[in-house]
Amino acid sequence: QVQLVESGGGLVQAGGSLRLSCAASGRTFSNYAMGWFRQ
């Protein structure tokens, strides 16, 4: 029921930094615990 959209990925050198964002739809965002996974 909630829609999620990630952004912020890209190419970075080893030792660098990056910040990812995940924007959620709806008005019940705080009801959900949120996680990040990778593959």
Full PDB file with SEQRES, HELIX, SHEET, SSBOND, CRYST1, ORIGX, SCALE, CONECT and MASTER records, all heavy atoms in Angstrom:
SEQRES   1 A   39  GLN VAL GLN LEU VAL GLU SER GLY GLY GLY LEU VAL GLN          
SEQRES   2 A   39  ALA GLY GLY SER LEU ARG LEU SER CYS ALA ALA SER GLY          
SEQRES   3 A   39  ARG THR PHE SER ASN TYR ALA MET GLY TRP PHE ARG GLN          
HELIX    1 AA1 PHE A   29  ASN A   31  5                                   3    
SHEET    1 AA1 2 LEU A   4  SER A   7  0                                        
SHEET    2 AA1 2 SER A  21  ALA A  24 -1                                        
CRYST1    1.000    1.000    1.000  90.00  90.00  90.00 P 1           1          
ORIGX1      1.000000  0.000000  0.000000        0.00000                         
ORIGX2      0.000000  1.000000  0.000000        0.00000                         
ORIGX3      0.000000  0.000000  1.000000        0.00000                         
SCALE1      1.000000  0.000000  0.000000        0.00000                         
SCALE2      0.000000  1.000000  0.000000        0.00000                         
SCALE3      0.000000  0.000000  1.000000        0.00000                         
ATOM      1  N   GLN A   1       0.811  -1.198   0.000  1.00  0.00           N  
ATOM      2  CA  GLN A   1       0.000   0.000   0.000  1.00  0.00           C  
ATOM      3  C   GLN A   1       0.858   1.267   0.000  1.00  0.00           C  
ATOM      4  O   GLN A   1       0.403   2.328  -0.426  1.00  0.00           O  
ATOM      5  CB  GLN A   1      -0.926  -0.009   1.196  1.00  0.00           C  
ATOM      6  CG  GLN A   1      -2.066   0.977   1.099  1.00  0.00           C  
ATOM      7  CD  GLN A   1      -3.198   0.626   2.044  1.00  0.00           C  
ATOM      8  OE1 GLN A   1      -3.103  -0.313   2.834  1.00  0.00           O  
ATOM      9  NE2 GLN A   1      -4.273   1.379   1.949  1.00  0.00           N  
ATOM     10  N   VAL A   2       2.085   1.163   0.501  1.00  0.00           N  
ATOM     11  CA  VAL A   2       3.021   2.276   0.481  1.00  0.00           C  
ATOM     12  C   VAL A   2       3.942   2.102  -0.721  1.00  0.00           C  
ATOM     13  O   VAL A   2       4.384   1.000  -1.040  1.00  0.00           O  
ATOM     14  CB  VAL A   2       3.827   2.361   1.792  1.00  0.00           C  
ATOM     15  CG1 VAL A   2       4.639   1.097   2.022  1.00  0.00           C  
ATOM     16  CG2 VAL A   2       4.720   3.594   1.801  1.00  0.00           C  
ATOM     17  N   GLN A   3       4.220   3.192  -1.413  1.00  0.00           N  
ATOM     18  CA  GLN A   3       5.124   3.180  -2.546  1.00  0.00           C  
ATOM     19  C   GLN A   3       6.459   3.799  -2.145  1.00  0.00           C  
ATOM     20  O   GLN A   3       6.487   4.825  -1.462  1.00  0.00           O  
ATOM     21  CB  GLN A   3       4.533   3.941  -3.730  1.00  0.00           C  
ATOM     22  CG  GLN A   3       3.262   3.327  -4.278  1.00  0.00           C  
ATOM     23  CD  GLN A   3       2.734   4.066  -5.485  1.00  0.00           C  
ATOM     24  OE1 GLN A   3       3.345   4.042  -6.558  1.00  0.00           O  
ATOM     25  NE2 GLN A   3       1.611   4.726  -5.312  1.00  0.00           N  
ATOM     26  N   LEU A   4       7.547   3.178  -2.583  1.00  0.00           N  
ATOM     27  CA  LEU A   4       8.886   3.587  -2.194  1.00  0.00           C  
ATOM     28  C   LEU A   4       9.719   3.873  -3.432  1.00  0.00           C  
ATOM     29  O   LEU A   4       9.692   3.104  -4.397  1.00  0.00           O  
ATOM     30  CB  LEU A   4       9.564   2.485  -1.372  1.00  0.00           C  
ATOM     31  CG  LEU A   4       8.797   1.975  -0.154  1.00  0.00           C  
ATOM     32  CD1 LEU A   4       9.500   0.766   0.449  1.00  0.00           C  
ATOM     33  CD2 LEU A   4       8.665   3.079   0.887  1.00  0.00           C  
ATOM     34  N   VAL A   5      10.475   4.960  -3.399  1.00  0.00           N  
ATOM     35  CA  VAL A   5      11.325   5.346  -4.512  1.00  0.00           C  
ATOM     36  C   VAL A   5      12.702   5.710  -3.981  1.00  0.00           C  
ATOM     37  O   VAL A   5      12.842   6.687  -3.241  1.00  0.00           O  
ATOM     38  CB  VAL A   5      10.741   6.529  -5.301  1.00  0.00           C  
ATOM     39  CG1 VAL A   5      11.665   6.903  -6.447  1.00  0.00           C  
ATOM     40  CG2 VAL A   5       9.358   6.184  -5.832  1.00  0.00           C  
ATOM     41  N   GLU A   6      13.713   4.935  -4.385  1.00  0.00           N  
ATOM     42  CA  GLU A   6      15.082   5.206  -3.974  1.00  0.00           C  
ATOM     43  C   GLU A   6      15.754   6.180  -4.934  1.00  0.00           C  
ATOM     44  O   GLU A   6      15.411   6.239  -6.118  1.00  0.00           O  
ATOM     45  CB  GLU A   6      15.921   3.914  -3.923  1.00  0.00           C  
ATOM     46  CG  GLU A   6      15.405   2.854  -2.972  1.00  0.00           C  
ATOM     47  CD  GLU A   6      14.574   1.806  -3.664  1.00  0.00           C  
ATOM     48  OE1 GLU A   6      13.956   2.120  -4.706  1.00  0.00           O  
ATOM     49  OE2 GLU A   6      14.541   0.660  -3.173  1.00  0.00           O  
ATOM     50  N   SER A   7      16.735   6.897  -4.416  1.00  0.00           N  
ATOM     51  CA  SER A   7      17.548   7.779  -5.236  1.00  0.00           C  
ATOM     52  C   SER A   7      18.899   7.966  -4.558  1.00  0.00           C  
ATOM     53  O   SER A   7      19.075   7.610  -3.398  1.00  0.00           O  
ATOM     54  CB  SER A   7      16.863   9.129  -5.458  1.00  0.00           C  
ATOM     55  OG  SER A   7      16.681   9.814  -4.230  1.00  0.00           O  
ATOM     56  N   GLY A   8      19.843   8.534  -5.287  1.00  0.00           N  
ATOM     57  CA  GLY A   8      21.140   8.861  -4.726  1.00  0.00           C  
ATOM     58  C   GLY A   8      22.265   7.924  -5.091  1.00  0.00           C  
ATOM     59  O   GLY A   8      23.418   8.180  -4.727  1.00  0.00           O  
ATOM     60  N   GLY A   9      21.969   6.841  -5.786  1.00  0.00           N  
ATOM     61  CA  GLY A   9      23.016   5.932  -6.192  1.00  0.00           C  
ATOM     62  C   GLY A   9      23.898   6.540  -7.263  1.00  0.00           C  
ATOM     63  O   GLY A   9      23.567   7.558  -7.869  1.00  0.00           O  
ATOM     64  N   GLY A  10      25.038   5.908  -7.488  1.00  0.00           N  
ATOM     65  CA  GLY A  10      25.967   6.391  -8.486  1.00  0.00           C  
ATOM     66  C   GLY A  10      27.314   5.728  -8.364  1.00  0.00           C  
ATOM     67  O   GLY A  10      27.464   4.699  -7.704  1.00  0.00           O  
ATOM     68  N   LEU A  11      28.297   6.331  -9.011  1.00  0.00           N  
ATOM     69  CA  LEU A  11      29.666   5.830  -9.018  1.00  0.00           C  
ATOM     70  C   LEU A  11      30.512   6.652  -8.067  1.00  0.00           C  
ATOM     71  O   LEU A  11      30.488   7.886  -8.110  1.00  0.00           O  
ATOM     72  CB  LEU A  11      30.241   5.896 -10.433  1.00  0.00           C  
ATOM     73  CG  LEU A  11      31.705   5.503 -10.613  1.00  0.00           C  
ATOM     74  CD1 LEU A  11      31.906   4.031 -10.281  1.00  0.00           C  
ATOM     75  CD2 LEU A  11      32.155   5.810 -12.032  1.00  0.00           C  
ATOM     76  N   VAL A  12      31.266   5.973  -7.222  1.00  0.00           N  
ATOM     77  CA  VAL A  12      32.125   6.647  -6.257  1.00  0.00           C  
ATOM     78  C   VAL A  12      33.407   5.834  -6.091  1.00  0.00           C  
ATOM     79  O   VAL A  12      33.405   4.615  -6.243  1.00  0.00           O  
ATOM     80  CB  VAL A  12      31.400   6.823  -4.902  1.00  0.00           C  
ATOM     81  CG1 VAL A  12      31.095   5.473  -4.268  1.00  0.00           C  
ATOM     82  CG2 VAL A  12      32.200   7.698  -3.953  1.00  0.00           C  
ATOM     83  N   GLN A  13      34.504   6.521  -5.801  1.00  0.00           N  
ATOM     84  CA  GLN A  13      35.768   5.847  -5.560  1.00  0.00           C  
ATOM     85  C   GLN A  13      35.810   5.225  -4.175  1.00  0.00           C  
ATOM     86  O   GLN A  13      35.133   5.682  -3.246  1.00  0.00           O  
ATOM     87  CB  GLN A  13      36.939   6.820  -5.708  1.00  0.00           C  
ATOM     88  CG  GLN A  13      37.235   7.246  -7.130  1.00  0.00           C  
ATOM     89  CD  GLN A  13      38.504   8.065  -7.231  1.00  0.00           C  
ATOM     90  OE1 GLN A  13      38.815   8.857  -6.352  1.00  0.00           O  
ATOM     91  NE2 GLN A  13      39.247   7.858  -8.307  1.00  0.00           N  
ATOM     92  N   ALA A  14      36.597   4.172  -4.032  1.00  0.00           N  
ATOM     93  CA  ALA A  14      36.791   3.555  -2.730  1.00  0.00           C  
ATOM     94  C   ALA A  14      37.250   4.596  -1.715  1.00  0.00           C  
ATOM     95  O   ALA A  14      38.100   5.432  -2.013  1.00  0.00           O  
ATOM     96  CB  ALA A  14      37.804   2.418  -2.827  1.00  0.00           C  
ATOM     97  N   GLY A  15      36.671   4.528  -0.528  1.00  0.00           N  
ATOM     98  CA  GLY A  15      36.958   5.500   0.513  1.00  0.00           C  
ATOM     99  C   GLY A  15      36.031   6.692   0.510  1.00  0.00           C  
ATOM    100  O   GLY A  15      36.035   7.479   1.469  1.00  0.00           O  
ATOM    101  N   GLY A  16      35.235   6.826  -0.522  1.00  0.00           N  
ATOM    102  CA  GLY A  16      34.317   7.942  -0.628  1.00  0.00           C  
ATOM    103  C   GLY A  16      33.012   7.707   0.098  1.00  0.00           C  
ATOM    104  O   GLY A  16      32.821   6.686   0.764  1.00  0.00           O  
ATOM    105  N   SER A  17      32.102   8.664  -0.061  1.00  0.00           N  
ATOM    106  CA  SER A  17      30.823   8.625   0.626  1.00  0.00           C  
ATOM    107  C   SER A  17      29.680   8.846  -0.347  1.00  0.00           C  
ATOM    108  O   SER A  17      29.846   9.455  -1.406  1.00  0.00           O  
ATOM    109  CB  SER A  17      30.762   9.697   1.722  1.00  0.00           C  
ATOM    110  OG  SER A  17      31.739   9.481   2.716  1.00  0.00           O  
ATOM    111  N   LEU A  18      28.525   8.368   0.050  1.00  0.00           N  
ATOM    112  CA  LEU A  18      27.325   8.513  -0.747  1.00  0.00           C  
ATOM    113  C   LEU A  18      26.134   8.459   0.194  1.00  0.00           C  
ATOM    114  O   LEU A  18      26.169   7.725   1.191  1.00  0.00           O  
ATOM    115  CB  LEU A  18      27.243   7.392  -1.782  1.00  0.00           C  
ATOM    116  CG  LEU A  18      26.465   7.607  -3.085  1.00  0.00           C  
ATOM    117  CD1 LEU A  18      27.056   8.754  -3.884  1.00  0.00           C  
ATOM    118  CD2 LEU A  18      26.496   6.324  -3.907  1.00  0.00           C  
ATOM    119  N   ARG A  19      25.088   9.209  -0.108  1.00  0.00           N  
ATOM    120  CA  ARG A  19      23.871   9.153   0.690  1.00  0.00           C  
ATOM    121  C   ARG A  19      22.701   8.757  -0.189  1.00  0.00           C  
ATOM    122  O   ARG A  19      22.401   9.423  -1.184  1.00  0.00           O  
ATOM    123  CB  ARG A  19      23.565  10.485   1.374  1.00  0.00           C  
ATOM    124  CG  ARG A  19      22.406  10.368   2.367  1.00  0.00           C  
ATOM    125  CD  ARG A  19      22.147  11.635   3.146  1.00  0.00           C  
ATOM    126  NE  ARG A  19      21.407  12.626   2.364  1.00  0.00           N  
ATOM    127  CZ  ARG A  19      20.676  13.602   2.899  1.00  0.00           C  
ATOM    128  NH1 ARG A  19      20.594  13.723   4.226  1.00  0.00           N  
ATOM    129  NH2 ARG A  19      20.064  14.464   2.118  1.00  0.00           N  
ATOM    130  N   LEU A  20      22.040   7.691   0.203  1.00  0.00           N  
ATOM    131  CA  LEU A  20      20.852   7.221  -0.480  1.00  0.00           C  
ATOM    132  C   LEU A  20      19.605   7.737   0.224  1.00  0.00           C  
ATOM    133  O   LEU A  20      19.588   7.893   1.446  1.00  0.00           O  
ATOM    134  CB  LEU A  20      20.805   5.695  -0.522  1.00  0.00           C  
ATOM    135  CG  LEU A  20      22.029   4.976  -1.097  1.00  0.00           C  
ATOM    136  CD1 LEU A  20      21.776   3.471  -1.126  1.00  0.00           C  
ATOM    137  CD2 LEU A  20      22.366   5.501  -2.479  1.00  0.00           C  
ATOM    138  N   SER A  21      18.569   7.988  -0.555  1.00  0.00           N  
ATOM    139  CA  SER A  21      17.291   8.407  -0.015  1.00  0.00           C  
ATOM    140  C   SER A  21      16.198   7.474  -0.497  1.00  0.00           C  
ATOM    141  O   SER A  21      16.274   6.929  -1.596  1.00  0.00           O  
ATOM    142  CB  SER A  21      16.953   9.838  -0.449  1.00  0.00           C  
ATOM    143  OG  SER A  21      17.913  10.759   0.019  1.00  0.00           O  
ATOM    144  N   CYS A  22      15.195   7.292   0.323  1.00  0.00           N  
ATOM    145  CA  CYS A  22      14.023   6.514  -0.046  1.00  0.00           C  
ATOM    146  C   CYS A  22      12.801   7.303   0.362  1.00  0.00           C  
ATOM    147  O   CYS A  22      12.557   7.503   1.559  1.00  0.00           O  
ATOM    148  CB  CYS A  22      14.042   5.143   0.634  1.00  0.00           C  
ATOM    149  SG  CYS A  22      12.576   4.142   0.321  1.00  0.00           S  
ATOM    150  N   ALA A  23      12.052   7.763  -0.622  1.00  0.00           N  
ATOM    151  CA  ALA A  23      10.855   8.549  -0.379  1.00  0.00           C  
ATOM    152  C   ALA A  23       9.629   7.654  -0.422  1.00  0.00           C  
ATOM    153  O   ALA A  23       9.465   6.853  -1.344  1.00  0.00           O  
ATOM    154  CB  ALA A  23      10.736   9.659  -1.413  1.00  0.00           C  
ATOM    155  N   ALA A  24       8.763   7.798   0.566  1.00  0.00           N  
ATOM    156  CA  ALA A  24       7.578   6.971   0.685  1.00  0.00           C  
ATOM    157  C   ALA A  24       6.322   7.793   0.471  1.00  0.00           C  
ATOM    158  O   ALA A  24       6.261   8.967   0.842  1.00  0.00           O  
ATOM    159  CB  ALA A  24       7.522   6.297   2.055  1.00  0.00           C  
ATOM    160  N   SER A  25       5.332   7.164  -0.111  1.00  0.00           N  
ATOM    161  CA  SER A  25       4.035   7.797  -0.295  1.00  0.00           C  
ATOM    162  C   SER A  25       3.162   7.561   0.925  1.00  0.00           C  
ATOM    163  O   SER A  25       3.496   6.779   1.820  1.00  0.00           O  
ATOM    164  CB  SER A  25       3.351   7.249  -1.545  1.00  0.00           C  
ATOM    165  OG  SER A  25       3.035   5.872  -1.383  1.00  0.00           O  
ATOM    166  N   GLY A  26       2.035   8.237   0.957  1.00  0.00           N  
ATOM    167  CA  GLY A  26       1.064   8.013   2.005  1.00  0.00           C  
ATOM    168  C   GLY A  26       1.300   8.838   3.256  1.00  0.00           C  
ATOM    169  O   GLY A  26       2.286   9.569   3.374  1.00  0.00           O  
ATOM    170  N   ARG A  27       0.393   8.656   4.201  1.00  0.00           N  
ATOM    171  CA  ARG A  27       0.447   9.402   5.452  1.00  0.00           C  
ATOM    172  C   ARG A  27       0.706   8.521   6.661  1.00  0.00           C  
ATOM    173  O   ARG A  27       0.555   8.973   7.797  1.00  0.00           O  
ATOM    174  CB  ARG A  27      -0.865  10.176   5.646  1.00  0.00           C  
ATOM    175  CG  ARG A  27      -1.116  11.257   4.608  1.00  0.00           C  
ATOM    176  CD  ARG A  27      -2.422  11.973   4.860  1.00  0.00           C  
ATOM    177  NE  ARG A  27      -3.571  11.105   4.605  1.00  0.00           N  
ATOM    178  CZ  ARG A  27      -4.839  11.458   4.801  1.00  0.00           C  
ATOM    179  NH1 ARG A  27      -5.121  12.665   5.255  1.00  0.00           N  
ATOM    180  NH2 ARG A  27      -5.816  10.608   4.541  1.00  0.00           N  
ATOM    181  N   THR A  28       1.106   7.281   6.429  1.00  0.00           N  
ATOM    182  CA  THR A  28       1.355   6.330   7.504  1.00  0.00           C  
ATOM    183  C   THR A  28       2.811   5.908   7.577  1.00  0.00           C  
ATOM    184  O   THR A  28       3.121   4.838   8.094  1.00  0.00           O  
ATOM    185  CB  THR A  28       0.463   5.086   7.347  1.00  0.00           C  
ATOM    186  OG1 THR A  28       0.736   4.448   6.095  1.00  0.00           O  
ATOM    187  CG2 THR A  28      -1.007   5.463   7.411  1.00  0.00           C  
ATOM    188  N   PHE A  29       3.714   6.730   7.091  1.00  0.00           N  
ATOM    189  CA  PHE A  29       5.128   6.384   7.024  1.00  0.00           C  
ATOM    190  C   PHE A  29       5.690   6.003   8.388  1.00  0.00           C  
ATOM    191  O   PHE A  29       6.435   5.035   8.521  1.00  0.00           O  
ATOM    192  CB  PHE A  29       5.916   7.544   6.421  1.00  0.00           C  
ATOM    193  CG  PHE A  29       7.402   7.317   6.362  1.00  0.00           C  
ATOM    194  CD1 PHE A  29       7.936   6.371   5.513  1.00  0.00           C  
ATOM    195  CD2 PHE A  29       8.258   8.059   7.159  1.00  0.00           C  
ATOM    196  CE1 PHE A  29       9.301   6.158   5.449  1.00  0.00           C  
ATOM    197  CE2 PHE A  29       9.625   7.860   7.099  1.00  0.00           C  
ATOM    198  CZ  PHE A  29      10.141   6.911   6.249  1.00  0.00           C  
ATOM    199  N   SER A  30       5.342   6.762   9.414  1.00  0.00           N  
ATOM    200  CA  SER A  30       5.898   6.518  10.738  1.00  0.00           C  
ATOM    201  C   SER A  30       5.430   5.204  11.349  1.00  0.00           C  
ATOM    202  O   SER A  30       6.000   4.746  12.338  1.00  0.00           O  
ATOM    203  CB  SER A  30       5.571   7.677  11.686  1.00  0.00           C  
ATOM    204  OG  SER A  30       4.171   7.801  11.870  1.00  0.00           O  
ATOM    205  N   ASN A  31       4.397   4.591  10.792  1.00  0.00           N  
ATOM    206  CA  ASN A  31       3.929   3.296  11.272  1.00  0.00           C  
ATOM    207  C   ASN A  31       4.852   2.150  10.865  1.00  0.00           C  
ATOM    208  O   ASN A  31       4.761   1.057  11.424  1.00  0.00           O  
ATOM    209  CB  ASN A  31       2.523   3.001  10.747  1.00  0.00           C  
ATOM    210  CG  ASN A  31       1.474   3.926  11.332  1.00  0.00           C  
ATOM    211  OD1 ASN A  31       1.704   4.597  12.331  1.00  0.00           O  
ATOM    212  ND2 ASN A  31       0.316   3.958  10.700  1.00  0.00           N  
ATOM    213  N   TYR A  32       5.714   2.385   9.883  1.00  0.00           N  
ATOM    214  CA  TYR A  32       6.579   1.352   9.356  1.00  0.00           C  
ATOM    215  C   TYR A  32       7.999   1.486   9.876  1.00  0.00           C  
ATOM    216  O   TYR A  32       8.581   2.577   9.858  1.00  0.00           O  
ATOM    217  CB  TYR A  32       6.630   1.412   7.827  1.00  0.00           C  
ATOM    218  CG  TYR A  32       5.337   1.065   7.131  1.00  0.00           C  
ATOM    219  CD1 TYR A  32       4.454   2.065   6.742  1.00  0.00           C  
ATOM    220  CD2 TYR A  32       5.017  -0.252   6.845  1.00  0.00           C  
ATOM    221  CE1 TYR A  32       3.275   1.747   6.099  1.00  0.00           C  
ATOM    222  CE2 TYR A  32       3.842  -0.575   6.195  1.00  0.00           C  
ATOM    223  CZ  TYR A  32       2.973   0.437   5.824  1.00  0.00           C  
ATOM    224  OH  TYR A  32       1.803   0.120   5.173  1.00  0.00           O  
ATOM    225  N   ALA A  33       8.556   0.374  10.328  1.00  0.00           N  
ATOM    226  CA  ALA A  33      10.002   0.289  10.395  1.00  0.00           C  
ATOM    227  C   ALA A  33      10.522   0.225   8.958  1.00  0.00           C  
ATOM    228  O   ALA A  33       9.844  -0.299   8.072  1.00  0.00           O  
ATOM    229  CB  ALA A  33      10.441  -0.942  11.180  1.00  0.00           C  
ATOM    230  N   MET A  34      11.699   0.774   8.728  1.00  0.00           N  
ATOM    231  CA  MET A  34      12.257   0.822   7.385  1.00  0.00           C  
ATOM    232  C   MET A  34      13.618   0.158   7.349  1.00  0.00           C  
ATOM    233  O   MET A  34      14.409   0.287   8.287  1.00  0.00           O  
ATOM    234  CB  MET A  34      12.381   2.274   6.909  1.00  0.00           C  
ATOM    235  CG  MET A  34      11.057   3.018   6.797  1.00  0.00           C  
ATOM    236  SD  MET A  34       9.990   2.347   5.483  1.00  0.00           S  
ATOM    237  CE  MET A  34      10.990   2.688   4.034  1.00  0.00           C  
ATOM    238  N   GLY A  35      13.874  -0.529   6.260  1.00  0.00           N  
ATOM    239  CA  GLY A  35      15.144  -1.209   6.110  1.00  0.00           C  
ATOM    240  C   GLY A  35      15.784  -0.954   4.763  1.00  0.00           C  
ATOM    241  O   GLY A  35      15.119  -0.566   3.797  1.00  0.00           O  
ATOM    242  N   TRP A  36      17.089  -1.154   4.725  1.00  0.00           N  
ATOM    243  CA  TRP A  36      17.853  -1.140   3.483  1.00  0.00           C  
ATOM    244  C   TRP A  36      18.453  -2.523   3.267  1.00  0.00           C  
ATOM    245  O   TRP A  36      19.002  -3.132   4.196  1.00  0.00           O  
ATOM    246  CB  TRP A  36      18.977  -0.105   3.523  1.00  0.00           C  
ATOM    247  CG  TRP A  36      18.532   1.312   3.378  1.00  0.00           C  
ATOM    248  CD1 TRP A  36      18.308   2.213   4.370  1.00  0.00           C  
ATOM    249  CD2 TRP A  36      18.274   2.005   2.146  1.00  0.00           C  
ATOM    250  NE1 TRP A  36      17.924   3.420   3.857  1.00  0.00           N  
ATOM    251  CE2 TRP A  36      17.897   3.324   2.478  1.00  0.00           C  
ATOM    252  CE3 TRP A  36      18.331   1.645   0.803  1.00  0.00           C  
ATOM    253  CZ2 TRP A  36      17.575   4.279   1.518  1.00  0.00           C  
ATOM    254  CZ3 TRP A  36      18.005   2.590  -0.155  1.00  0.00           C  
ATOM    255  CH2 TRP A  36      17.636   3.883   0.209  1.00  0.00           C  
ATOM    256  N   PHE A  37      18.356  -3.004   2.042  1.00  0.00           N  
ATOM    257  CA  PHE A  37      18.963  -4.250   1.618  1.00  0.00           C  
ATOM    258  C   PHE A  37      19.777  -3.982   0.364  1.00  0.00           C  
ATOM    259  O   PHE A  37      19.586  -2.970  -0.310  1.00  0.00           O  
ATOM    260  CB  PHE A  37      17.902  -5.315   1.325  1.00  0.00           C  
ATOM    261  CG  PHE A  37      17.114  -5.762   2.526  1.00  0.00           C  
ATOM    262  CD1 PHE A  37      16.114  -4.963   3.065  1.00  0.00           C  
ATOM    263  CD2 PHE A  37      17.365  -6.992   3.118  1.00  0.00           C  
ATOM    264  CE1 PHE A  37      15.387  -5.367   4.163  1.00  0.00           C  
ATOM    265  CE2 PHE A  37      16.640  -7.414   4.220  1.00  0.00           C  
ATOM    266  CZ  PHE A  37      15.654  -6.601   4.742  1.00  0.00           C  
ATOM    267  N   ARG A  38      20.674  -4.893   0.045  1.00  0.00           N  
ATOM    268  CA  ARG A  38      21.436  -4.759  -1.184  1.00  0.00           C  
ATOM    269  C   ARG A  38      21.647  -6.127  -1.816  1.00  0.00           C  
ATOM    270  O   ARG A  38      21.627  -7.151  -1.142  1.00  0.00           O  
ATOM    271  CB  ARG A  38      22.787  -4.082  -0.937  1.00  0.00           C  
ATOM    272  CG  ARG A  38      23.762  -4.896  -0.092  1.00  0.00           C  
ATOM    273  CD  ARG A  38      24.991  -4.065   0.240  1.00  0.00           C  
ATOM    274  NE  ARG A  38      25.983  -4.829   0.978  1.00  0.00           N  
ATOM    275  CZ  ARG A  38      27.096  -4.311   1.486  1.00  0.00           C  
ATOM    276  NH1 ARG A  38      27.368  -3.022   1.325  1.00  0.00           N  
ATOM    277  NH2 ARG A  38      27.950  -5.091   2.146  1.00  0.00           N  
ATOM    278  N   GLN A  39      21.852  -6.113  -3.117  1.00  0.00           N  
ATOM    279  CA  GLN A  39      22.090  -7.348  -3.840  1.00  0.00           C  
ATOM    280  C   GLN A  39      23.140  -7.107  -4.916  1.00  0.00           C  
ATOM    281  O   GLN A  39      22.952  -6.274  -5.802  1.00  0.00           O  
ATOM    282  CB  GLN A  39      20.803  -7.882  -4.465  1.00  0.00           C  
ATOM    283  CG  GLN A  39      20.948  -9.271  -5.061  1.00  0.00           C  
ATOM    284  CD  GLN A  39      19.610  -9.932  -5.327  1.00  0.00           C  
ATOM    285  OE1 GLN A  39      18.597  -9.264  -5.506  1.00  0.00           O  
ATOM    286  NE2 GLN A  39      19.601 -11.251  -5.339  1.00  0.00           N  
TER     287      GLN A  39                                                      
MASTER        0    0    0    1    2    0    0    6  286    1    0    3          
END                                                                             
